Amino acid sequence: SNSASKSAASAETIANCAFTLVKEHLKYPRTASMDGYSRSPQYDSYGRVCTLISVTAQNGFGNYITEDYYVVLQSCSISGHYTYNSHIDNYTKNDGW
């Protein structure tokens, strides 16, 4: 990891940013809750930060389902301001931790 490019945001702040981003893609975002997140988000050489979060939300059939999402943020600040590239798929559902 490139320590010079690391933001000082905590793992929790990064996870909250990722959760906000994932909610934008859910059918019923108000039903969503974050059940867990990676305590050690990873940084790449471009300064992007990647994290894994577990989210439970209601789907289109009214069932609550829990899924894991791998989220890539361009940046995330201590205050919780984040940026992401809207032209790529920022999160992918993961089969497990």
Protein backbone atom coordinates (compact mmCIF):
# COMPACT_ATOMS: atom_id res chain seq x y z
CA SER A 1 0.00 0.00 0.00
CA ASN A 2 1.09 3.54 -0.65
CA SER A 3 1.04 5.33 2.69
CA ALA A 4 1.55 8.74 1.08
CA SER A 5 -1.83 8.53 -0.66
CA LYS A 6 -3.81 7.18 2.28
CA SER A 7 -6.60 9.27 3.65
CA ALA A 8 -6.88 9.42 7.43
CA ALA A 9 -10.48 8.24 7.35
CA SER A 10 -11.26 5.41 9.76
CA ALA A 11 -12.46 2.00 8.58
CA GLU A 12 -15.89 2.90 9.98
CA THR A 13 -16.03 6.18 8.02
CA ILE A 14 -14.99 4.40 4.83
CA ALA A 15 -17.65 1.73 5.42
CA ASN A 16 -20.31 4.40 5.98
CA CYS A 17 -19.35 6.06 2.69
CA ALA A 18 -19.54 2.70 0.93
CA PHE A 19 -22.94 2.02 2.55
CA THR A 20 -24.25 5.37 1.29
CA LEU A 21 -23.12 4.47 -2.22
CA VAL A 22 -24.65 0.97 -2.11
CA LYS A 23 -27.97 2.38 -0.86
CA GLU A 24 -28.24 4.49 -4.02
CA HIS A 25 -28.56 1.23 -5.97
CA LEU A 26 -31.08 -0.55 -3.74
CA LYS A 27 -34.78 -0.80 -4.53
CA TYR A 28 -35.77 0.16 -0.96
CA PRO A 29 -32.80 2.06 0.52
CA ARG A 30 -34.74 3.11 3.64
CA THR A 31 -34.93 -0.53 4.71
CA ALA A 32 -31.17 -1.01 4.51
CA SER A 33 -28.86 -1.59 7.44
CA MET A 34 -25.14 -2.24 7.48
CA ASP A 35 -24.42 -5.42 9.43
CA GLY A 36 -20.66 -5.48 9.20
CA TYR A 37 -17.63 -4.03 7.46
CA SER A 38 -13.96 -4.66 6.89
CA ARG A 39 -11.81 -3.32 9.73
CA SER A 40 -8.84 -3.06 7.35
CA PRO A 41 -9.81 -1.36 4.08
CA GLN A 42 -7.23 -1.69 1.31
CA TYR A 43 -5.60 1.12 -0.64
CA ASP A 44 -4.20 0.79 -4.14
CA SER A 45 -1.31 2.69 -5.73
CA TYR A 46 -3.76 5.31 -7.09
CA GLY A 47 -5.03 6.18 -3.62
CA ARG A 48 -8.38 4.48 -4.12
CA VAL A 49 -9.78 2.64 -1.12
CA CYS A 50 -11.56 -0.71 -1.29
CA THR A 51 -13.73 -2.14 1.46
CA LEU A 52 -16.17 -4.98 2.04
CA ILE A 53 -19.52 -4.35 3.72
CA SER A 54 -22.49 -6.54 4.58
CA VAL A 55 -25.91 -5.00 3.94
CA THR A 56 -29.41 -6.24 4.76
CA ALA A 57 -32.29 -4.68 2.83
CA GLN A 58 -35.72 -5.44 1.46
CA ASN A 59 -35.80 -6.64 -2.13
CA GLY A 60 -38.54 -6.21 -4.74
CA PHE A 61 -40.46 -9.19 -3.35
CA GLY A 62 -40.59 -7.78 0.18
CA ASN A 63 -38.03 -10.22 1.57
CA TYR A 64 -35.08 -9.05 3.64
CA ILE A 65 -31.84 -10.35 2.22
CA THR A 66 -28.24 -9.89 3.35
CA GLU A 67 -25.53 -9.44 0.76
CA ASP A 68 -21.86 -8.52 0.83
CA TYR A 69 -20.61 -5.69 -1.36
CA TYR A 70 -17.05 -4.93 -2.40
CA VAL A 71 -16.88 -1.17 -2.88
CA VAL A 72 -14.18 0.96 -4.48
CA LEU A 73 -14.06 4.66 -3.61
CA GLN A 74 -11.80 7.14 -5.40
CA SER A 75 -11.29 8.89 -2.06
CA CYS A 76 -12.81 9.20 1.40
CA SER A 77 -12.07 12.00 3.87
CA ILE A 78 -12.11 12.01 7.66
CA SER A 79 -15.38 13.98 7.54
CA GLY A 80 -17.04 11.30 5.42
CA HIS A 81 -16.93 13.11 2.09
CA TYR A 82 -16.22 10.61 -0.65
CA THR A 83 -15.80 10.47 -4.42
CA TYR A 84 -16.27 7.60 -6.82
CA ASN A 85 -16.11 7.01 -10.55
CA SER A 86 -19.70 6.89 -11.79
CA HIS A 87 -18.67 5.34 -15.10
CA ILE A 88 -17.62 2.02 -13.61
CA ASP A 89 -19.33 -0.60 -11.47
CA ASN A 90 -18.27 0.51 -8.00
CA TYR A 91 -19.56 -2.44 -6.08
CA THR A 92 -19.95 -6.11 -6.73
CA LYS A 93 -21.95 -8.57 -4.72
CA ASN A 94 -19.61 -10.96 -3.00
CA ASP A 95 -20.29 -14.61 -2.20
CA GLY A 96 -18.71 -14.36 1.21
CA TRP A 97 -16.09 -12.74 3.36
